[in-house]
Amino acid sequence: MLINKVEICGVDTSKLPVMKPKQMKEMMIRVKNGDKQAREEFIRGNLRLVLSVIQRFTGRRENMDDLFQVGCIGLIKAIDNFNVELGVRFSTYAVPMITGELRRYLRDNNSIRVSRSLRDIAYKALQVRNSLSKKESSEPSVEKIAEEMGVNVEDVVFALDAIQDPVSLYEPVYHDGSDAIYVMDQLQDKSCADENWLEGIALKEAIEKLNEREKNIITMRFYQGKTQMEVAEEIGISQAQVSRLEKNALKSMKRNI
């Protein structure tokens, strides 16, 4: 866990400085005036901000050194694009920038590859959604986004789903001070439901009541996936006979279940 990792990328995180808002504001003005030393001090003074953001991504089993470096890139971009005249705190502006840089890194390095065209549609859809949200003061529907982009609704839905970050089954969703509850604890495996077990037992018993030829046909057709023609060739009868025997067998099984 990050909390136990004191050194990241050769940086002793326990010795990182903490900058006060007034000091940060004054130094940012110097940075914007081209003071390189102030820029270096400002970056170092905000590394704790990067650490606080990457803690949100610790459950992904990513290399923390890599995440820290990517977070620093987001921090530098935030410094370069920050407008001192906006009257907002730097951290308010920087956190979304750092988070966005980390999410892009995780998407681009995901083992599940998403095509460039899909990513382009998805990013365009996100831009259109934000634009419509500001214009209409409400969350736009997927249909509205697709209409604005001039593409099919299915394409927008598929593209947005494709760029979603996968969630680990072992990611904790709740912790009450004792044992954590993980994503996998909230999932249901319907294939192991009691009714499926009972149906399987009843089906097996119904097959056992068939004669050998009918049992053989049912096995080859529904368990081995063979066609009626393949079954006919294997047991030496016509396809029409196989069809008739199969229907009789299924009727018999239905009565016995």
C-alpha atoms as a PDB file:
ATOM      1  CA  MET A   1       0.000   0.000   0.000  1.00  0.00           C
ATOM      2  CA  LEU A   2       1.052   3.569  -0.645  1.00  0.00           C
ATOM      3  CA  ILE A   3       0.706   4.509   3.008  1.00  0.00           C
ATOM      4  CA  ASN A   4       3.684   2.280   3.847  1.00  0.00           C
ATOM      5  CA  LYS A   5       5.799   3.425   0.906  1.00  0.00           C
ATOM      6  CA  VAL A   6       8.009   6.281   2.089  1.00  0.00           C
ATOM      7  CA  GLU A   7      10.173   6.603  -1.032  1.00  0.00           C
ATOM      8  CA  ILE A   8       8.672   6.930  -4.505  1.00  0.00           C
ATOM      9  CA  CYS A   9      10.840   7.529  -7.580  1.00  0.00           C
ATOM     10  CA  GLY A  10      13.738   8.358  -5.274  1.00  0.00           C
ATOM     11  CA  VAL A  11      11.683  11.023  -3.457  1.00  0.00           C
ATOM     12  CA  ASP A  12      11.420  10.760   0.317  1.00  0.00           C
ATOM     13  CA  THR A  13       7.731  11.612   0.702  1.00  0.00           C
ATOM     14  CA  SER A  14       8.056  12.104   4.457  1.00  0.00           C
ATOM     15  CA  LYS A  15      10.296  15.128   3.847  1.00  0.00           C
ATOM     16  CA  LEU A  16       8.241  16.877   1.181  1.00  0.00           C
ATOM     17  CA  PRO A  17       7.527  20.539   2.016  1.00  0.00           C
ATOM     18  CA  VAL A  18       4.036  21.908   2.620  1.00  0.00           C
ATOM     19  CA  MET A  19       3.273  25.266   1.015  1.00  0.00           C
ATOM     20  CA  LYS A  20       0.780  27.686   2.546  1.00  0.00           C
ATOM     21  CA  PRO A  21      -1.844  29.258   0.225  1.00  0.00           C
ATOM     22  CA  LYS A  22      -0.347  32.752   0.449  1.00  0.00           C
ATOM     23  CA  GLN A  23       3.171  31.434  -0.277  1.00  0.00           C
ATOM     24  CA  MET A  24       1.815  29.368  -3.172  1.00  0.00           C
ATOM     25  CA  LYS A  25       0.042  32.361  -4.709  1.00  0.00           C
ATOM     26  CA  GLU A  26       3.163  34.534  -4.532  1.00  0.00           C
ATOM     27  CA  MET A  27       5.353  31.798  -5.981  1.00  0.00           C
ATOM     28  CA  MET A  28       2.920  31.120  -8.836  1.00  0.00           C
ATOM     29  CA  ILE A  29       3.238  34.757  -9.920  1.00  0.00           C
ATOM     30  CA  ARG A  30       7.022  34.294 -10.025  1.00  0.00           C
ATOM     31  CA  VAL A  31       6.576  31.086 -12.027  1.00  0.00           C
ATOM     32  CA  LYS A  32       4.401  32.883 -14.586  1.00  0.00           C
ATOM     33  CA  ASN A  33       7.099  35.547 -14.863  1.00  0.00           C
ATOM     34  CA  GLY A  34       9.610  32.895 -15.941  1.00  0.00           C
ATOM     35  CA  ASP A  35      11.434  32.248 -12.638  1.00  0.00           C
ATOM     36  CA  LYS A  36      12.816  28.722 -13.144  1.00  0.00           C
ATOM     37  CA  GLN A  37      13.911  28.285  -9.521  1.00  0.00           C
ATOM     38  CA  ALA A  38      10.430  29.244  -8.329  1.00  0.00           C
ATOM     39  CA  ARG A  39       8.973  26.719 -10.773  1.00  0.00           C
ATOM     40  CA  GLU A  40      11.106  23.908  -9.331  1.00  0.00           C
ATOM     41  CA  GLU A  41      10.164  24.898  -5.775  1.00  0.00           C
ATOM     42  CA  PHE A  42       6.489  25.118  -6.732  1.00  0.00           C
ATOM     43  CA  ILE A  43       6.527  21.632  -8.266  1.00  0.00           C
ATOM     44  CA  ARG A  44       8.232  20.170  -5.203  1.00  0.00           C
ATOM     45  CA  GLY A  45       5.834  22.020  -2.929  1.00  0.00           C
ATOM     46  CA  ASN A  46       2.867  20.335  -4.618  1.00  0.00           C
ATOM     47  CA  LEU A  47       4.139  16.752  -4.791  1.00  0.00           C
ATOM     48  CA  ARG A  48       2.010  15.944  -1.753  1.00  0.00           C
ATOM     49  CA  LEU A  49      -0.991  16.896  -3.880  1.00  0.00           C
ATOM     50  CA  VAL A  50       0.087  14.294  -6.448  1.00  0.00           C
ATOM     51  CA  LEU A  51       0.418  11.702  -3.672  1.00  0.00           C
ATOM     52  CA  SER A  52      -3.075  12.415  -2.396  1.00  0.00           C
ATOM     53  CA  VAL A  53      -4.537  11.926  -5.893  1.00  0.00           C
ATOM     54  CA  ILE A  54      -2.736   8.673  -6.736  1.00  0.00           C
ATOM     55  CA  GLN A  55      -3.996   7.114  -3.497  1.00  0.00           C
ATOM     56  CA  ARG A  56      -7.361   6.788  -5.269  1.00  0.00           C
ATOM     57  CA  PHE A  57      -5.749   4.358  -7.703  1.00  0.00           C
ATOM     58  CA  THR A  58      -3.951   2.085  -5.223  1.00  0.00           C
ATOM     59  CA  GLY A  59      -6.520  -0.727  -5.608  1.00  0.00           C
ATOM     60  CA  ARG A  60      -5.544  -1.297  -9.253  1.00  0.00           C
ATOM     61  CA  ARG A  61      -2.256  -3.025  -8.452  1.00  0.00           C
ATOM     62  CA  GLU A  62      -0.411  -0.487 -10.608  1.00  0.00           C
ATOM     63  CA  ASN A  63       3.232   0.389 -10.006  1.00  0.00           C
ATOM     64  CA  MET A  64       3.144   3.382  -7.668  1.00  0.00           C
ATOM     65  CA  ASP A  65       6.359   4.831  -9.085  1.00  0.00           C
ATOM     66  CA  ASP A  66       4.755   4.897 -12.551  1.00  0.00           C
ATOM     67  CA  LEU A  67       1.564   6.503 -11.229  1.00  0.00           C
ATOM     68  CA  PHE A  68       3.589   9.103  -9.343  1.00  0.00           C
ATOM     69  CA  GLN A  69       5.493  10.065 -12.489  1.00  0.00           C
ATOM     70  CA  VAL A  70       2.268  10.329 -14.508  1.00  0.00           C
ATOM     71  CA  GLY A  71       0.728  12.410 -11.714  1.00  0.00           C
ATOM     72  CA  CYS A  72       3.723  14.744 -11.841  1.00  0.00           C
ATOM     73  CA  ILE A  73       3.114  15.235 -15.575  1.00  0.00           C
ATOM     74  CA  GLY A  74      -0.463  16.240 -14.751  1.00  0.00           C
ATOM     75  CA  LEU A  75       0.859  18.621 -12.083  1.00  0.00           C
ATOM     76  CA  ILE A  76       3.250  20.283 -14.552  1.00  0.00           C
ATOM     77  CA  LYS A  77       0.444  20.655 -17.119  1.00  0.00           C
ATOM     78  CA  ALA A  78      -1.718  22.248 -14.429  1.00  0.00           C
ATOM     79  CA  ILE A  79       1.075  24.729 -13.580  1.00  0.00           C
ATOM     80  CA  ASP A  80       1.575  25.636 -17.244  1.00  0.00           C
ATOM     81  CA  ASN A  81      -2.147  26.181 -17.875  1.00  0.00           C
ATOM     82  CA  PHE A  82      -3.185  27.775 -14.584  1.00  0.00           C
ATOM     83  CA  ASN A  83      -4.531  31.314 -14.802  1.00  0.00           C
ATOM     84  CA  VAL A  84      -3.682  33.359 -11.694  1.00  0.00           C
ATOM     85  CA  GLU A  85      -6.435  35.836 -12.591  1.00  0.00           C
ATOM     86  CA  LEU A  86      -9.226  33.262 -12.132  1.00  0.00           C
ATOM     87  CA  GLY A  87      -9.227  33.710  -8.379  1.00  0.00           C
ATOM     88  CA  VAL A  88      -9.354  29.974  -7.582  1.00  0.00           C
ATOM     89  CA  ARG A  89      -6.954  27.902  -5.523  1.00  0.00           C
ATOM     90  CA  PHE A  90      -4.321  26.056  -7.514  1.00  0.00           C
ATOM     91  CA  SER A  91      -5.235  22.705  -5.940  1.00  0.00           C
ATOM     92  CA  THR A  92      -8.851  23.129  -7.106  1.00  0.00           C
ATOM     93  CA  TYR A  93      -7.595  23.414 -10.673  1.00  0.00           C
ATOM     94  CA  ALA A  94      -4.757  20.884 -10.423  1.00  0.00           C
ATOM     95  CA  VAL A  95      -6.589  17.873  -8.954  1.00  0.00           C
ATOM     96  CA  PRO A  96      -8.821  17.290 -12.045  1.00  0.00           C
ATOM     97  CA  MET A  97      -5.787  17.763 -14.303  1.00  0.00           C
ATOM     98  CA  ILE A  98      -3.740  15.187 -12.386  1.00  0.00           C
ATOM     99  CA  THR A  99      -6.676  12.783 -12.199  1.00  0.00           C
ATOM    100  CA  GLY A 100      -7.326  13.119 -15.939  1.00  0.00           C
ATOM    101  CA  GLU A 101      -3.685  12.402 -16.746  1.00  0.00           C
ATOM    102  CA  LEU A 102      -3.782   9.258 -14.587  1.00  0.00           C
ATOM    103  CA  ARG A 103      -7.009   8.025 -16.183  1.00  0.00           C
ATOM    104  CA  ARG A 104      -5.595   8.518 -19.676  1.00  0.00           C
ATOM    105  CA  TYR A 105      -2.495   6.585 -18.684  1.00  0.00           C
ATOM    106  CA  LEU A 106      -4.549   3.708 -17.270  1.00  0.00           C
ATOM    107  CA  ARG A 107      -6.787   3.578 -20.356  1.00  0.00           C
ATOM    108  CA  ASP A 108      -3.877   3.648 -22.807  1.00  0.00           C
ATOM    109  CA  ASN A 109      -1.971   0.983 -20.869  1.00  0.00           C
ATOM    110  CA  ASN A 110      -4.951  -1.250 -20.276  1.00  0.00           C
ATOM    111  CA  SER A 111      -4.478  -4.899 -21.325  1.00  0.00           C
ATOM    112  CA  ILE A 112      -7.902  -4.607 -22.980  1.00  0.00           C
ATOM    113  CA  ARG A 113      -7.035  -2.616 -26.108  1.00  0.00           C
ATOM    114  CA  VAL A 114      -9.554  -0.108 -27.424  1.00  0.00           C
ATOM    115  CA  SER A 115      -9.252   1.044 -31.028  1.00  0.00           C
ATOM    116  CA  ARG A 116      -8.307   4.645 -31.784  1.00  0.00           C
ATOM    117  CA  SER A 117     -11.603   5.250 -33.611  1.00  0.00           C
ATOM    118  CA  LEU A 118     -13.623   4.108 -30.587  1.00  0.00           C
ATOM    119  CA  ARG A 119     -11.594   6.318 -28.253  1.00  0.00           C
ATOM    120  CA  ASP A 120     -12.091   9.286 -30.584  1.00  0.00           C
ATOM    121  CA  ILE A 121     -15.874   8.778 -30.576  1.00  0.00           C
ATOM    122  CA  ALA A 122     -15.898   8.384 -26.804  1.00  0.00           C
ATOM    123  CA  TYR A 123     -13.827  11.510 -26.119  1.00  0.00           C
ATOM    124  CA  LYS A 124     -15.931  13.513 -28.580  1.00  0.00           C
ATOM    125  CA  ALA A 125     -19.091  12.236 -26.852  1.00  0.00           C
ATOM    126  CA  LEU A 126     -17.735  13.355 -23.459  1.00  0.00           C
ATOM    127  CA  GLN A 127     -17.013  16.820 -24.849  1.00  0.00           C
ATOM    128  CA  VAL A 128     -20.484  17.076 -26.368  1.00  0.00           C
ATOM    129  CA  ARG A 129     -22.060  15.862 -23.111  1.00  0.00           C
ATOM    130  CA  ASN A 130     -20.240  18.539 -21.111  1.00  0.00           C
ATOM    131  CA  SER A 131     -21.194  21.203 -23.636  1.00  0.00           C
ATOM    132  CA  LEU A 132     -24.881  20.219 -23.640  1.00  0.00           C
ATOM    133  CA  SER A 133     -24.921  19.973 -19.829  1.00  0.00           C
ATOM    134  CA  LYS A 134     -23.743  23.579 -19.520  1.00  0.00           C
ATOM    135  CA  LYS A 135     -26.128  24.791 -22.222  1.00  0.00           C
ATOM    136  CA  GLU A 136     -29.260  22.995 -20.985  1.00  0.00           C
ATOM    137  CA  SER A 137     -28.384  22.804 -17.250  1.00  0.00           C
ATOM    138  CA  SER A 138     -29.244  19.094 -17.228  1.00  0.00           C
ATOM    139  CA  GLU A 139     -27.659  15.771 -18.124  1.00  0.00           C
ATOM    140  CA  PRO A 140     -28.254  15.108 -21.844  1.00  0.00           C
ATOM    141  CA  SER A 141     -29.517  11.725 -23.028  1.00  0.00           C
ATOM    142  CA  VAL A 142     -27.376   9.424 -25.139  1.00  0.00           C
ATOM    143  CA  GLU A 143     -29.813  10.010 -28.004  1.00  0.00           C
ATOM    144  CA  LYS A 144     -29.237  13.777 -27.770  1.00  0.00           C
ATOM    145  CA  ILE A 145     -25.455  13.316 -27.738  1.00  0.00           C
ATOM    146  CA  ALA A 146     -25.587  10.997 -30.759  1.00  0.00           C
ATOM    147  CA  GLU A 147     -27.831  13.467 -32.633  1.00  0.00           C
ATOM    148  CA  GLU A 148     -25.420  16.321 -31.899  1.00  0.00           C
ATOM    149  CA  MET A 149     -22.476  14.222 -33.143  1.00  0.00           C
ATOM    150  CA  GLY A 150     -24.319  12.870 -36.180  1.00  0.00           C
ATOM    151  CA  VAL A 151     -23.632   9.217 -35.319  1.00  0.00           C
ATOM    152  CA  ASN A 152     -25.705   6.192 -34.274  1.00  0.00           C
ATOM    153  CA  VAL A 153     -26.777   5.883 -30.648  1.00  0.00           C
ATOM    154  CA  GLU A 154     -25.288   2.370 -30.555  1.00  0.00           C
ATOM    155  CA  ASP A 155     -21.873   3.737 -31.562  1.00  0.00           C
ATOM    156  CA  VAL A 156     -21.905   6.256 -28.710  1.00  0.00           C
ATOM    157  CA  VAL A 157     -22.958   3.681 -26.125  1.00  0.00           C
ATOM    158  CA  PHE A 158     -20.384   1.139 -27.304  1.00  0.00           C
ATOM    159  CA  ALA A 159     -17.584   3.744 -27.370  1.00  0.00           C
ATOM    160  CA  LEU A 160     -18.344   5.058 -23.880  1.00  0.00           C
ATOM    161  CA  ASP A 161     -18.495   1.510 -22.502  1.00  0.00           C
ATOM    162  CA  ALA A 162     -15.161   0.688 -24.168  1.00  0.00           C
ATOM    163  CA  ILE A 163     -13.212   3.406 -22.330  1.00  0.00           C
ATOM    164  CA  GLN A 164     -14.572   2.580 -18.885  1.00  0.00           C
ATOM    165  CA  ASP A 165     -11.883   1.439 -16.494  1.00  0.00           C
ATOM    166  CA  PRO A 166     -12.229  -2.244 -15.536  1.00  0.00           C
ATOM    167  CA  VAL A 167     -12.829  -2.892 -11.846  1.00  0.00           C
ATOM    168  CA  SER A 168     -10.970  -5.603  -9.999  1.00  0.00           C
ATOM    169  CA  LEU A 169     -13.127  -8.278  -8.357  1.00  0.00           C
ATOM    170  CA  TYR A 170     -10.909  -7.820  -5.304  1.00  0.00           C
ATOM    171  CA  GLU A 171     -11.468  -4.071  -5.015  1.00  0.00           C
ATOM    172  CA  PRO A 172     -12.998  -3.250  -1.603  1.00  0.00           C
ATOM    173  CA  VAL A 173     -16.377  -1.503  -1.725  1.00  0.00           C
ATOM    174  CA  TYR A 174     -17.060  -1.310   2.014  1.00  0.00           C
ATOM    175  CA  HIS A 175     -15.113  -1.699   5.223  1.00  0.00           C
ATOM    176  CA  ASP A 176     -16.739  -1.677   8.643  1.00  0.00           C
ATOM    177  CA  GLY A 177     -13.538  -2.007  10.649  1.00  0.00           C
ATOM    178  CA  SER A 178     -13.342  -5.793  10.433  1.00  0.00           C
ATOM    179  CA  ASP A 179     -13.475  -7.821   7.208  1.00  0.00           C
ATOM    180  CA  ALA A 180     -13.717  -5.824   3.975  1.00  0.00           C
ATOM    181  CA  ILE A 181     -16.485  -6.472   1.443  1.00  0.00           C
ATOM    182  CA  TYR A 182     -15.151  -6.817  -2.105  1.00  0.00           C
ATOM    183  CA  VAL A 183     -16.791  -6.431  -5.516  1.00  0.00           C
ATOM    184  CA  MET A 184     -16.855 -10.211  -5.958  1.00  0.00           C
ATOM    185  CA  ASP A 185     -18.917 -10.520  -2.757  1.00  0.00           C
ATOM    186  CA  GLN A 186     -21.685  -8.502  -4.430  1.00  0.00           C
ATOM    187  CA  LEU A 187     -21.884 -10.672  -7.564  1.00  0.00           C
ATOM    188  CA  GLN A 188     -24.243 -13.573  -8.044  1.00  0.00           C
ATOM    189  CA  ASP A 189     -23.343 -16.704  -9.985  1.00  0.00           C
ATOM    190  CA  LYS A 190     -26.700 -17.817 -11.333  1.00  0.00           C
ATOM    191  CA  SER A 191     -25.167 -20.903 -12.921  1.00  0.00           C
ATOM    192  CA  CYS A 192     -24.806 -22.346  -9.408  1.00  0.00           C
ATOM    193  CA  ALA A 193     -28.315 -21.498  -8.248  1.00  0.00           C
ATOM    194  CA  ASP A 194     -30.343 -24.214  -6.504  1.00  0.00           C
ATOM    195  CA  GLU A 195     -32.927 -24.318  -9.277  1.00  0.00           C
ATOM    196  CA  ASN A 196     -30.217 -25.021 -11.856  1.00  0.00           C
ATOM    197  CA  TRP A 197     -28.914 -27.920  -9.791  1.00  0.00           C
ATOM    198  CA  LEU A 198     -32.422 -29.343  -9.507  1.00  0.00           C
ATOM    199  CA  GLU A 199     -33.075 -28.919 -13.226  1.00  0.00           C
ATOM    200  CA  GLY A 200     -29.792 -30.661 -14.008  1.00  0.00           C
ATOM    201  CA  ILE A 201     -30.675 -33.624 -11.792  1.00  0.00           C
ATOM    202  CA  ALA A 202     -34.184 -33.889 -13.294  1.00  0.00           C
ATOM    203  CA  LEU A 203     -32.775 -33.725 -16.823  1.00  0.00           C
ATOM    204  CA  LYS A 204     -30.220 -36.432 -16.107  1.00  0.00           C
ATOM    205  CA  GLU A 205     -32.919 -38.711 -14.667  1.00  0.00           C
ATOM    206  CA  ALA A 206     -35.172 -38.103 -17.686  1.00  0.00           C
ATOM    207  CA  ILE A 207     -32.366 -39.061 -20.093  1.00  0.00           C
ATOM    208  CA  GLU A 208     -31.656 -42.234 -18.114  1.00  0.00           C
ATOM    209  CA  LYS A 209     -35.258 -43.372 -18.761  1.00  0.00           C
ATOM    210  CA  LEU A 210     -34.747 -43.305 -22.561  1.00  0.00           C
ATOM    211  CA  ASN A 211     -33.783 -46.392 -24.539  1.00  0.00           C
ATOM    212  CA  GLU A 212     -30.134 -46.682 -25.662  1.00  0.00           C
ATOM    213  CA  ARG A 213     -30.700 -45.394 -29.198  1.00  0.00           C
ATOM    214  CA  GLU A 214     -32.680 -42.322 -28.019  1.00  0.00           C
ATOM    215  CA  LYS A 215     -30.139 -41.667 -25.277  1.00  0.00           C
ATOM    216  CA  ASN A 216     -27.326 -41.829 -27.822  1.00  0.00           C
ATOM    217  CA  ILE A 217     -29.091 -39.430 -30.187  1.00  0.00           C
ATOM    218  CA  ILE A 218     -29.816 -36.872 -27.420  1.00  0.00           C
ATOM    219  CA  THR A 219     -26.201 -37.026 -26.249  1.00  0.00           C
ATOM    220  CA  MET A 220     -24.748 -36.487 -29.701  1.00  0.00           C
ATOM    221  CA  ARG A 221     -27.248 -33.755 -30.634  1.00  0.00           C
ATOM    222  CA  PHE A 222     -27.314 -31.637 -27.465  1.00  0.00           C
ATOM    223  CA  TYR A 223     -24.074 -32.469 -25.619  1.00  0.00           C
ATOM    224  CA  GLN A 224     -21.691 -33.007 -28.532  1.00  0.00           C
ATOM    225  CA  GLY A 225     -23.316 -30.444 -30.862  1.00  0.00           C
ATOM    226  CA  LYS A 226     -23.644 -32.739 -33.867  1.00  0.00           C
ATOM    227  CA  THR A 227     -26.155 -32.186 -36.673  1.00  0.00           C
ATOM    228  CA  GLN A 228     -28.892 -34.691 -37.478  1.00  0.00           C
ATOM    229  CA  MET A 229     -27.007 -35.653 -40.654  1.00  0.00           C
ATOM    230  CA  GLU A 230     -23.828 -36.361 -38.655  1.00  0.00           C
ATOM    231  CA  VAL A 231     -25.789 -38.432 -36.149  1.00  0.00           C
ATOM    232  CA  ALA A 232     -27.478 -40.344 -38.973  1.00  0.00           C
ATOM    233  CA  GLU A 233     -24.133 -41.198 -40.600  1.00  0.00           C
ATOM    234  CA  GLU A 234     -22.626 -42.290 -37.285  1.00  0.00           C
ATOM    235  CA  ILE A 235     -25.394 -44.670 -36.215  1.00  0.00           C
ATOM    236  CA  GLY A 236     -26.324 -45.827 -39.743  1.00  0.00           C
ATOM    237  CA  ILE A 237     -29.902 -44.581 -40.187  1.00  0.00           C
ATOM    238  CA  SER A 238     -31.552 -41.826 -42.244  1.00  0.00           C
ATOM    239  CA  GLN A 239     -31.748 -38.192 -41.174  1.00  0.00           C
ATOM    240  CA  ALA A 240     -35.563 -38.465 -41.160  1.00  0.00           C
ATOM    241  CA  GLN A 241     -35.359 -41.361 -38.678  1.00  0.00           C
ATOM    242  CA  VAL A 242     -33.001 -39.368 -36.465  1.00  0.00           C
ATOM    243  CA  SER A 243     -35.446 -36.442 -36.513  1.00  0.00           C
ATOM    244  CA  ARG A 244     -38.382 -38.686 -35.554  1.00  0.00           C
ATOM    245  CA  LEU A 245     -36.457 -40.449 -32.770  1.00  0.00           C
ATOM    246  CA  GLU A 246     -35.214 -37.128 -31.423  1.00  0.00           C
ATOM    247  CA  LYS A 247     -38.726 -35.684 -31.244  1.00  0.00           C
ATOM    248  CA  ASN A 248     -40.040 -38.807 -29.481  1.00  0.00           C
ATOM    249  CA  ALA A 249     -37.154 -38.693 -27.015  1.00  0.00           C
ATOM    250  CA  LEU A 250     -37.778 -35.022 -26.196  1.00  0.00           C
ATOM    251  CA  LYS A 251     -41.479 -35.667 -25.673  1.00  0.00           C
ATOM    252  CA  SER A 252     -40.665 -38.562 -23.359  1.00  0.00           C
ATOM    253  CA  MET A 253     -38.195 -36.433 -21.394  1.00  0.00           C
ATOM    254  CA  LYS A 254     -40.743 -33.628 -21.063  1.00  0.00           C
ATOM    255  CA  ARG A 255     -43.246 -36.052 -19.549  1.00  0.00           C
ATOM    256  CA  ASN A 256     -40.690 -37.398 -17.088  1.00  0.00           C
ATOM    257  CA  ILE A 257     -39.334 -34.034 -15.851  1.00  0.00           C
END
